[in-house]
Structure formats: C-alpha cells, structure tokens
Amino acid sequence: MKIVIVGAGQAAASMAARLRARGHAGGIVVIGAEPVAPYQRPPLSKAYLLGQMGLDRLELRSSGWWRDQGIMLRPGETATALDPAQRFILTDKGKIGYDVLALTTGAQARRLPAAMGGDLPGVHVIRTLADVDALAPQMRAGRRLIVIGGGYIGLEAAAVARRLDLSVTLIEAAPRILGRVAAPETADMIRALHRAHGVDILEGTGISHITGTGRADGVALNDGRELPADLIVVGIGVLPDTALAQAAGLAVENGIATDALGRTSDPAIWAAGDCASLPWQGGRLRLESVGNAIDMAEAVADNILGANTPYQPRPWFWSDQFDAKLQIAGLGTGHDRIITRPGEGRHGGSVWYFRQGRLLAVDALNDARAYMIGKRLIEAGRSPDPDAIVAAADLRTLLA
C-alpha cells in the first residue's frame, strides 16, 4: 500500500513516523511546497526570530532519518490538483499515484487586502520560515513597529520586537486583545505584561489602510489618526489550506471535513492537523496547535492501518512572551463561570473556565503547577468545586 502525504509540516512528520512505527512496510511519500524539510513552527515567532535558534534545531527530523526510514521526502514541490477517481496527485513536477492519501496541508496566514495596502513592501506576516527570514533583518533597535492584531502571533511578535529594542504599537480592532481565544481575565494579565515592557496597546481601534507609496510607512486608523512605522506585522489569524481538497470535491466545513477517524468524504483520503475539522459536541472543531497536529496525525496513521479508533482531542496550547509562559489546557468555549487564582510572581496566575459546574479549561501564566493540575483534572473528566480552587493552599489537594 502506497501512502502519499501532502503537506510537510508537524502533522506530516508525525504521521509518517507513526506509520513506520506501527509496521507499515509500503511506500510513504511526503510532498511539501516549502524548499526545506519539515520543521517546528512555534519557535519561528520567538527563538528563531530572536536569532537564538538556527534552522538545524528547527528541523523535526534529520535528513538521515528520512532516508533510514525509507520515506521519500519531496520538499519544494507543490501539489496543484487531486484526482480522487484515478487516485493521483498532480504537482508542479509531475504525477504521483497513491493507494491512500493524507492531507496535512496546514493553514495560511490571513493577509490584509491589497486595497488596504496589505501587499506593500514592509508589511509582513509570520507563518513560514521564509516569512521570518524576510522579517528578521528588519527588526533593528530603534525602529518603529506596528503590529496589527492582538492574538497570540501578534503578541509574540510584539514581545520579540521589544526585546530587540524596537518601539512597538499593537492595534486590535476588537474591544480587547485575545477576544476570540481567552477570557477577559487572561487578557488583563497579558495586557499588563506587555505594557510593563513598553508595548503601546490600542484596543477597539480599527484601521483604514496602510500608508506609503512604494513601501509601507504607517497605518491610517478609522478615527483619522495616522501612526508612522518603519515596518508592520499583520497577525490576524490563519485560514485552513483547503484549496486542493475543495477543487477535488471533498467536503469542506471550516477545514477539510473528516469523520471521527480522520477520514474525509472520500474513503481513500484522510486529513489531519490545522487543515482538518472533526465532529465535536454536535458541531465541528478545528484546532490550530502543535499538540493537535501530532495527536491527530498519529491517530489517523493508526486508523489508516485499521485501528478504527475515534480521535479524541485533548487540546493544549502555549505562548511564550517576554520571560512569561502562558499555558492552556482544554477549550473554554461556552463557559458560564470564571475562577481566578493569583500566581506567585508579579505577572502570573491562573484562570479556570466552568460550564454548569464542569471544568472546561485552564489558562496559566507563569504557573506551571496550575496548568499541570488543571490539565490532569480535565483529561480525567473531574471537576473540583470552583470555590475549592480559590481556597486551596496547595492545588495538589484537588487531585486527591
């Protein structure tokens, strides 16, 4: 059985490794549009952008590992079309047949429209190695950076820029930062952290367009103000890369739609990672995280080989900003109560999400113990009394 994996990121690397570990002796081909082997994305906006980590440390597997495993890695090759009926992939370099196909195409950074100046030189996004290689030389001390978007990528970019001694203004159109992904209490902690490090945060502030002729030189706001800038980072989220699947007629719903096993609407085609959406509590869920990319890819690999085991996501995330680490377990969507606990340091603490008495998620800033205990409770399906969380002298008693 020949298995072809399209997309060469974390999910692809995890799936290929799992297939071999589970005894698949047939052919495995991994096709990736980027001209490099699969690498870690999280350090791009942090250690790699700071110059603290080189490409050799970003790579998920050495070139020797792919060769030793008998996996054909084809970087720098773009899949252009998929024919499910004839079971082949067309690429810019030829035609590849398959018995089983796995789509791990990931996601692409959202960009501002060209009409708003989103394509001007000096406007950057952070998603790929090439994106960061283009941005890094521009991050020089004393320059003025405007970050558009108050999600994790924008906040991480702002933190790196301040560490490199740039002047930083972050603009968020929504009423507050982290509006889609975290409670106001978590946003309050992160906002205080950034302001303590000199980031100017403008919330509830829309942009009209990026200014400049030939090159970006600032941002015009909806209220008429214009802010000068030497460079701009746009961090307004990502879009699942579904173009190949959609053109081939596969079901797409907030990502490539799969069943609980990871199979798409075509029984010979599977999907995993940022590009895939799966059934979840009566709707569909798409997770953008390293943890899900690894876990779902491994579950799909097992199911390709006949395990027939539904994938049960266990969401966890993290974000490094300045000297602080935000760790998140679970999904707080639909919560009706928030409990907070102070941390030991100046910038730290934990936020606990509940719905009808059930613990849904925990955000922990510089509080590894709260994160680990919250994660264990959520994965065990246990929900301590919210008041007990506040009153506990030692959170470990919640596990008793």
Protein backbone atom coordinates (compact mmCIF):
# COMPACT_ATOMS: atom_id res chain seq x y z
CA MET A 1 0.00 0.00 0.00
CA LYS A 2 1.46 3.34 -1.11
CA ILE A 3 0.61 6.25 1.18
CA VAL A 4 1.11 9.81 -0.05
CA ILE A 5 1.08 12.70 2.43
CA VAL A 6 0.54 16.21 1.02
CA GLY A 7 1.84 18.96 3.28
CA ALA A 8 5.18 18.69 5.03
CA GLY A 9 4.73 20.18 8.50
CA GLN A 10 4.40 18.81 12.02
CA ALA A 11 1.37 16.63 11.18
CA ALA A 12 3.08 15.08 8.16
CA ALA A 13 6.25 14.27 10.07
CA SER A 14 4.28 12.76 12.95
CA MET A 15 2.09 10.71 10.63
CA ALA A 16 4.99 9.32 8.61
CA ALA A 17 6.87 8.36 11.75
CA ARG A 18 3.81 6.69 13.22
CA LEU A 19 3.12 4.68 10.07
CA ARG A 20 6.60 3.20 10.16
CA ALA A 21 6.49 2.65 13.92
CA ARG A 22 3.21 0.75 13.52
CA GLY A 23 4.76 -1.57 10.96
CA HIS A 24 3.72 -0.14 7.60
CA ALA A 25 6.31 -1.51 5.17
CA GLY A 26 4.90 0.02 1.97
CA GLY A 27 5.83 3.24 0.29
CA ILE A 28 5.45 6.60 2.03
CA VAL A 29 5.84 9.84 0.08
CA VAL A 30 5.74 13.28 1.74
CA ILE A 31 5.23 16.29 -0.55
CA GLY A 32 5.86 19.82 0.72
CA ALA A 33 5.77 23.15 -1.09
CA GLU A 34 8.46 24.73 1.10
CA PRO A 35 12.04 24.04 -0.02
CA VAL A 36 13.06 22.66 3.38
CA ALA A 37 12.37 19.53 5.42
CA PRO A 38 9.55 19.60 8.00
CA TYR A 39 10.36 21.99 10.87
CA GLN A 40 8.88 23.37 14.08
CA ARG A 41 6.71 26.45 13.63
CA PRO A 42 6.28 27.75 17.21
CA PRO A 43 9.92 28.92 17.59
CA LEU A 44 9.66 30.98 14.39
CA SER A 45 7.97 33.90 16.14
CA LYS A 46 10.16 33.56 19.22
CA ALA A 47 13.63 31.97 19.44
CA TYR A 48 14.27 31.86 15.68
CA LEU A 49 13.20 35.49 15.17
CA LEU A 50 15.43 36.48 18.08
CA GLY A 51 18.37 34.68 16.49
CA GLN A 52 18.63 32.21 19.37
CA MET A 53 17.82 29.11 17.28
CA GLY A 54 19.14 28.07 13.89
CA LEU A 55 17.48 26.07 11.14
CA ASP A 56 19.34 22.93 12.21
CA ARG A 57 17.49 23.00 15.54
CA LEU A 58 14.15 23.78 13.90
CA GLU A 59 14.16 20.61 11.79
CA LEU A 60 11.88 17.90 13.17
CA ARG A 61 13.96 15.05 11.72
CA SER A 62 17.43 14.87 10.25
CA SER A 63 17.92 14.13 6.56
CA GLY A 64 19.40 10.79 7.58
CA TRP A 65 16.24 9.81 9.45
CA TRP A 66 14.03 10.16 6.37
CA ARG A 67 16.48 8.09 4.34
CA ASP A 68 16.85 5.41 7.01
CA GLN A 69 13.07 5.09 7.34
CA GLY A 70 12.64 4.67 3.61
CA ILE A 71 10.36 7.69 3.39
CA MET A 72 10.55 9.69 0.17
CA LEU A 73 10.60 13.35 1.20
CA ARG A 74 9.94 15.75 -1.68
CA PRO A 75 10.40 19.36 -0.48
CA GLY A 76 9.97 22.28 -2.86
CA GLU A 77 7.18 20.51 -4.71
CA THR A 78 3.68 21.99 -4.90
CA ALA A 79 0.57 19.85 -5.28
CA THR A 80 -1.61 21.50 -7.92
CA ALA A 81 -4.51 19.08 -8.41
CA LEU A 82 -6.04 15.94 -6.95
CA ASP A 83 -7.95 13.27 -8.86
CA PRO A 84 -9.81 11.08 -6.34
CA ALA A 85 -11.35 8.87 -9.03
CA GLN A 86 -8.00 7.91 -10.56
CA ARG A 87 -6.13 8.26 -7.25
CA PHE A 88 -3.30 10.51 -8.22
CA ILE A 89 -1.83 13.88 -7.30
CA LEU A 90 -0.54 16.36 -9.85
CA THR A 91 2.35 18.55 -8.76
CA ASP A 92 4.47 21.19 -10.45
CA LYS A 93 6.99 18.39 -11.02
CA GLY A 94 4.84 15.52 -12.19
CA LYS A 95 2.19 12.95 -11.31
CA ILE A 96 2.12 10.75 -8.19
CA GLY A 97 -0.28 7.87 -7.74
CA TYR A 98 -1.50 6.68 -4.35
CA ASP A 99 -3.48 3.94 -2.65
CA VAL A 100 -4.15 6.13 0.38
CA LEU A 101 -3.80 9.91 0.52
CA ALA A 102 -3.42 12.05 3.65
CA LEU A 103 -3.88 15.81 3.51
CA THR A 104 -1.85 17.69 6.13
CA THR A 105 -1.80 20.99 4.26
CA GLY A 106 -1.97 23.15 7.36
CA ALA A 107 -3.05 26.77 7.26
CA GLN A 108 -2.00 30.04 5.69
CA ALA A 109 -1.64 33.44 7.32
CA ARG A 110 -4.51 35.85 6.73
CA ARG A 111 -3.34 38.96 4.92
CA LEU A 112 -4.83 42.41 4.56
CA PRO A 113 -6.33 43.08 1.12
CA ALA A 114 -4.18 44.81 -1.46
CA ALA A 115 -6.73 47.64 -1.45
CA MET A 116 -5.71 48.32 2.16
CA GLY A 117 -2.01 48.22 1.34
CA GLY A 118 -1.54 44.67 2.52
CA ASP A 119 0.84 43.86 -0.34
CA LEU A 120 3.20 46.81 0.19
CA PRO A 121 6.86 46.05 0.91
CA GLY A 122 7.47 46.40 4.62
CA VAL A 123 4.24 44.55 5.53
CA HIS A 124 4.98 41.13 6.98
CA VAL A 125 3.15 38.04 8.22
CA ILE A 126 4.58 35.26 10.40
CA ARG A 127 3.76 31.73 9.31
CA THR A 128 6.63 30.17 7.37
CA LEU A 129 10.40 30.09 7.56
CA ALA A 130 10.54 32.40 4.53
CA ASP A 131 8.25 34.89 6.28
CA VAL A 132 10.55 35.13 9.28
CA ASP A 133 13.73 35.18 7.18
CA ALA A 134 12.28 38.23 5.43
CA LEU A 135 11.25 39.92 8.69
CA ALA A 136 14.26 39.25 10.92
CA PRO A 137 16.75 41.63 9.19
CA GLN A 138 14.20 44.45 9.53
CA MET A 139 13.88 44.06 13.32
CA ARG A 140 16.57 46.54 14.31
CA ALA A 141 16.82 48.54 17.52
CA GLY A 142 15.22 51.98 17.40
CA ARG A 143 12.86 51.20 14.54
CA ARG A 144 9.10 51.67 14.83
CA LEU A 145 6.96 48.54 14.51
CA ILE A 146 3.20 48.43 14.27
CA VAL A 147 1.58 45.07 14.94
CA ILE A 148 -1.95 44.64 13.57
CA GLY A 149 -3.84 42.01 15.55
CA GLY A 150 -3.94 41.17 19.25
CA GLY A 151 -3.90 37.37 19.04
CA TYR A 152 -1.03 35.14 20.05
CA ILE A 153 1.11 35.67 16.94
CA GLY A 154 0.80 39.44 17.14
CA LEU A 155 1.57 39.48 20.85
CA GLU A 156 4.58 37.19 20.43
CA ALA A 157 5.93 39.40 17.64
CA ALA A 158 5.47 42.47 19.83
CA ALA A 159 7.35 40.80 22.68
CA VAL A 160 10.28 39.85 20.46
CA ALA A 161 10.43 43.34 18.99
CA ARG A 162 10.61 44.95 22.42
CA ARG A 163 13.39 42.56 23.43
CA LEU A 164 15.23 43.78 20.32
CA ASP A 165 14.60 47.38 21.44
CA LEU A 166 12.12 48.43 18.78
CA SER A 167 9.31 50.86 19.54
CA VAL A 168 6.10 48.81 19.35
CA THR A 169 2.44 49.74 18.94
CA LEU A 170 -0.11 46.92 18.78
CA ILE A 171 -3.54 47.62 17.26
CA GLU A 172 -6.57 45.42 17.92
CA ALA A 173 -9.89 46.17 16.22
CA ALA A 174 -11.93 44.16 18.73
CA PRO A 175 -12.72 45.61 22.16
CA ARG A 176 -9.79 43.73 23.69
CA ILE A 177 -6.81 41.53 22.86
CA LEU A 178 -7.29 37.74 22.76
CA GLY A 179 -11.01 38.31 22.27
CA ARG A 180 -11.64 35.06 20.38
CA VAL A 181 -9.43 32.75 22.39
CA ALA A 182 -9.27 33.75 26.05
CA ALA A 183 -11.31 35.22 28.89
CA PRO A 184 -11.03 38.92 29.79
CA GLU A 185 -9.14 37.90 32.93
CA THR A 186 -6.41 36.24 30.87
CA ALA A 187 -6.30 39.21 28.51
CA ASP A 188 -5.87 41.52 31.52
CA MET A 189 -2.77 39.61 32.64
CA ILE A 190 -1.24 39.62 29.15
CA ARG A 191 -2.04 43.30 28.61
CA ALA A 192 -0.35 44.23 31.90
CA LEU A 193 2.68 42.15 30.94
CA HIS A 194 3.09 43.94 27.61
CA ARG A 195 2.52 47.41 28.97
CA ALA A 196 5.10 46.75 31.68
CA HIS A 197 7.58 46.07 28.86
CA GLY A 198 6.71 49.22 26.94
CA VAL A 199 4.27 47.97 24.31
CA ASP A 200 1.61 50.56 23.41
CA ILE A 201 -1.68 48.65 23.02
CA LEU A 202 -4.63 50.23 21.22
CA GLU A 203 -7.82 48.18 21.60
CA GLY A 204 -11.15 48.81 19.90
CA THR A 205 -9.21 50.56 17.16
CA GLY A 206 -9.89 49.80 13.51
CA ILE A 207 -7.51 50.53 10.66
CA SER A 208 -8.46 52.23 7.41
CA HIS A 209 -5.36 51.29 5.40
CA ILE A 210 -1.61 51.04 5.41
CA THR A 211 0.03 54.22 4.19
CA GLY A 212 3.01 54.61 1.89
CA THR A 213 3.95 54.91 -1.76
CA GLY A 214 6.17 52.08 -2.87
CA ARG A 215 6.73 50.97 0.73
CA ALA A 216 4.68 50.91 3.92
CA ASP A 217 5.39 53.88 6.18
CA GLY A 218 2.50 53.81 8.64
CA VAL A 219 -1.10 52.97 9.39
CA ALA A 220 -4.18 55.18 8.96
CA LEU A 221 -6.79 54.50 11.64
CA ASN A 222 -10.55 54.69 11.23
CA ASP A 223 -10.68 57.64 13.62
CA GLY A 224 -8.48 59.72 11.31
CA ARG A 225 -5.18 59.34 13.11
CA GLU A 226 -2.07 58.20 11.25
CA LEU A 227 0.69 56.30 13.03
CA PRO A 228 4.16 56.25 11.44
CA ALA A 229 6.04 52.96 11.15
CA ASP A 230 9.23 51.52 9.71
CA LEU A 231 7.70 48.06 9.39
CA ILE A 232 4.37 46.35 10.00
CA VAL A 233 3.49 42.84 11.14
CA VAL A 234 -0.02 41.56 10.40
CA GLY A 235 -1.18 38.90 12.84
CA ILE A 236 -4.90 38.48 12.16
CA GLY A 237 -5.15 34.71 12.23
CA VAL A 238 -4.90 31.91 9.70
CA LEU A 239 -7.09 30.16 7.14
CA PRO A 240 -7.06 26.38 6.71
CA ASP A 241 -5.46 25.39 3.41
CA THR A 242 -8.38 23.59 1.77
CA ALA A 243 -7.94 24.64 -1.88
CA LEU A 244 -6.72 21.26 -3.12
CA ALA A 245 -9.49 19.38 -1.30
CA GLN A 246 -12.23 21.77 -2.34
CA ALA A 247 -11.24 21.69 -6.02
CA ALA A 248 -11.36 17.88 -5.88
CA GLY A 249 -14.90 17.91 -4.50
CA LEU A 250 -14.15 16.85 -0.93
CA ALA A 251 -16.44 18.12 1.81
CA VAL A 252 -15.11 21.32 3.40
CA GLU A 253 -16.54 22.87 6.55
CA ASN A 254 -14.21 25.16 8.50
CA GLY A 255 -11.42 22.99 7.16
CA ILE A 256 -11.34 19.67 5.36
CA ALA A 257 -14.25 17.81 6.96
CA THR A 258 -13.41 14.40 8.41
CA ASP A 259 -15.28 11.80 10.40
CA ALA A 260 -14.19 10.84 13.91
CA LEU A 261 -11.48 8.60 12.46
CA GLY A 262 -9.96 11.35 10.33
CA ARG A 263 -11.37 10.09 7.01
CA THR A 264 -12.69 12.66 4.53
CA SER A 265 -15.75 12.32 2.30
CA ASP A 266 -13.59 10.15 0.03
CA PRO A 267 -12.80 6.85 1.77
CA ALA A 268 -9.24 6.75 0.38
CA ILE A 269 -8.38 10.26 1.61
CA TRP A 270 -7.66 11.31 5.18
CA ALA A 271 -6.78 14.64 6.80
CA ALA A 272 -5.10 15.82 9.99
CA GLY A 273 -3.74 18.94 11.67
CA ASP A 274 -4.60 22.61 11.17
CA CYS A 275 -6.40 21.95 7.87
CA ALA A 276 -8.86 19.37 9.25
CA SER A 277 -12.17 19.76 11.08
CA LEU A 278 -13.68 16.87 13.03
CA PRO A 279 -17.02 16.15 14.71
CA TRP A 280 -17.21 17.71 18.18
CA GLN A 281 -20.14 18.07 20.57
CA GLY A 282 -22.75 18.26 17.84
CA GLY A 283 -20.72 20.61 15.61
CA ARG A 284 -17.28 20.66 14.07
CA LEU A 285 -13.95 21.58 15.64
CA ARG A 286 -10.70 22.67 14.03
CA LEU A 287 -7.68 23.06 16.28
CA GLU A 288 -4.59 25.12 15.45
CA SER A 289 -1.88 23.70 17.69
CA VAL A 290 1.21 21.55 17.68
CA GLY A 291 -0.41 19.17 20.16
CA ASN A 292 -3.37 18.51 17.88
CA ALA A 293 -1.16 18.20 14.80
CA ILE A 294 0.82 15.44 16.50
CA ASP A 295 -2.06 13.66 18.21
CA MET A 296 -4.47 13.72 15.27
CA ALA A 297 -1.79 12.71 12.77
CA GLU A 298 -0.82 9.72 14.89
CA ALA A 299 -4.47 8.73 15.37
CA VAL A 300 -5.09 8.98 11.62
CA ALA A 301 -1.98 6.89 10.91
CA ASP A 302 -3.32 4.19 13.22
CA ASN A 303 -6.73 4.31 11.53
CA ILE A 304 -5.24 4.13 8.04
CA LEU A 305 -3.67 0.87 9.24
CA GLY A 306 -7.00 -0.41 10.54
CA ALA A 307 -7.23 0.66 14.20
CA ASN A 308 -10.76 2.08 13.71
CA THR A 309 -10.43 4.21 16.86
CA PRO A 310 -12.17 7.61 17.01
CA TYR A 311 -9.84 10.50 17.67
CA GLN A 312 -10.47 12.23 21.00
CA PRO A 313 -8.71 15.61 21.03
CA ARG A 314 -7.07 16.77 24.26
CA PRO A 315 -6.46 20.44 23.50
CA TRP A 316 -3.41 22.15 24.93
CA PHE A 317 -1.54 25.25 23.81
CA TRP A 318 1.21 27.58 24.92
CA SER A 319 2.63 31.01 24.16
CA ASP A 320 5.98 32.49 25.24
CA GLN A 321 6.02 36.27 25.64
CA PHE A 322 8.95 38.13 27.21
CA ASP A 323 10.00 35.98 30.20
CA ALA A 324 6.46 34.68 30.70
CA LYS A 325 4.86 31.42 29.58
CA LEU A 326 1.13 31.13 29.05
CA GLN A 327 -0.04 27.50 29.13
CA ILE A 328 -3.58 26.48 28.24
CA ALA A 329 -5.37 23.17 28.72
CA GLY A 330 -8.84 22.45 27.37
CA LEU A 331 -11.28 24.67 25.49
CA GLY A 332 -13.15 27.40 27.35
CA THR A 333 -15.82 27.87 24.67
CA GLY A 334 -19.29 28.20 26.18
CA HIS A 335 -18.16 28.83 29.75
CA ASP A 336 -20.57 30.42 32.20
CA ARG A 337 -18.23 30.97 35.14
CA ILE A 338 -14.63 32.08 35.61
CA ILE A 339 -12.47 31.48 38.69
CA THR A 340 -9.08 33.13 39.11
CA ARG A 341 -6.11 32.37 41.33
CA PRO A 342 -3.15 34.68 41.81
CA GLY A 343 0.30 33.42 40.93
CA GLU A 344 3.47 33.79 42.92
CA GLY A 345 5.11 36.39 40.69
CA ARG A 346 4.14 39.87 39.56
CA HIS A 347 2.90 38.66 36.18
CA GLY A 348 1.18 35.37 36.75
CA GLY A 349 -1.87 33.49 37.86
CA SER A 350 -4.47 31.09 36.55
CA VAL A 351 -7.95 31.38 35.04
CA TRP A 352 -10.35 28.44 35.34
CA TYR A 353 -13.33 28.05 32.98
CA PHE A 354 -16.52 26.25 34.03
CA ARG A 355 -19.84 25.44 32.37
CA GLN A 356 -22.68 24.21 34.60
CA GLY A 357 -20.13 23.15 37.19
CA ARG A 358 -17.90 21.25 34.74
CA LEU A 359 -14.27 22.29 34.39
CA LEU A 360 -13.59 23.12 30.73
CA ALA A 361 -10.20 24.78 30.57
CA VAL A 362 -7.36 26.44 32.45
CA ASP A 363 -5.15 29.35 31.39
CA ALA A 364 -1.97 29.58 33.47
CA LEU A 365 0.53 32.41 33.17
CA ASN A 366 3.86 31.61 34.81
CA ASP A 367 2.04 28.98 36.86
CA ALA A 368 3.11 25.53 35.69
CA ARG A 369 1.54 23.79 38.68
CA ALA A 370 -1.91 25.21 37.96
CA TYR A 371 -1.56 24.18 34.32
CA MET A 372 -0.48 20.62 35.05
CA ILE A 373 -3.14 20.05 37.70
CA GLY A 374 -5.85 21.62 35.57
CA LYS A 375 -4.80 19.51 32.58
CA ARG A 376 -4.90 16.30 34.63
CA LEU A 377 -8.33 17.14 36.01
CA ILE A 378 -9.76 17.94 32.57
CA GLU A 379 -8.36 14.80 30.96
CA ALA A 380 -9.73 12.70 33.82
CA GLY A 381 -13.15 14.31 33.47
CA ARG A 382 -13.01 15.61 37.04
CA SER A 383 -14.41 18.97 38.13
CA PRO A 384 -13.49 20.28 41.58
CA ASP A 385 -15.74 22.77 43.30
CA PRO A 386 -14.80 26.24 41.97
CA ASP A 387 -14.62 27.66 45.48
CA ALA A 388 -12.17 24.90 46.45
CA ILE A 389 -9.81 26.07 43.72
CA VAL A 390 -9.78 29.57 45.16
CA ALA A 391 -9.38 28.37 48.75
CA ALA A 392 -6.77 25.63 48.18
CA ALA A 393 -3.45 26.37 49.83
CA ASP A 394 -1.91 23.71 47.59
CA LEU A 395 -3.61 22.86 44.28
CA ARG A 396 -2.34 19.29 44.52
CA THR A 397 -5.08 18.60 47.06
CA LEU A 398 -7.58 18.88 44.19
CA LEU A 399 -6.21 15.62 42.81
CA ALA A 400 -6.87 13.68 45.99
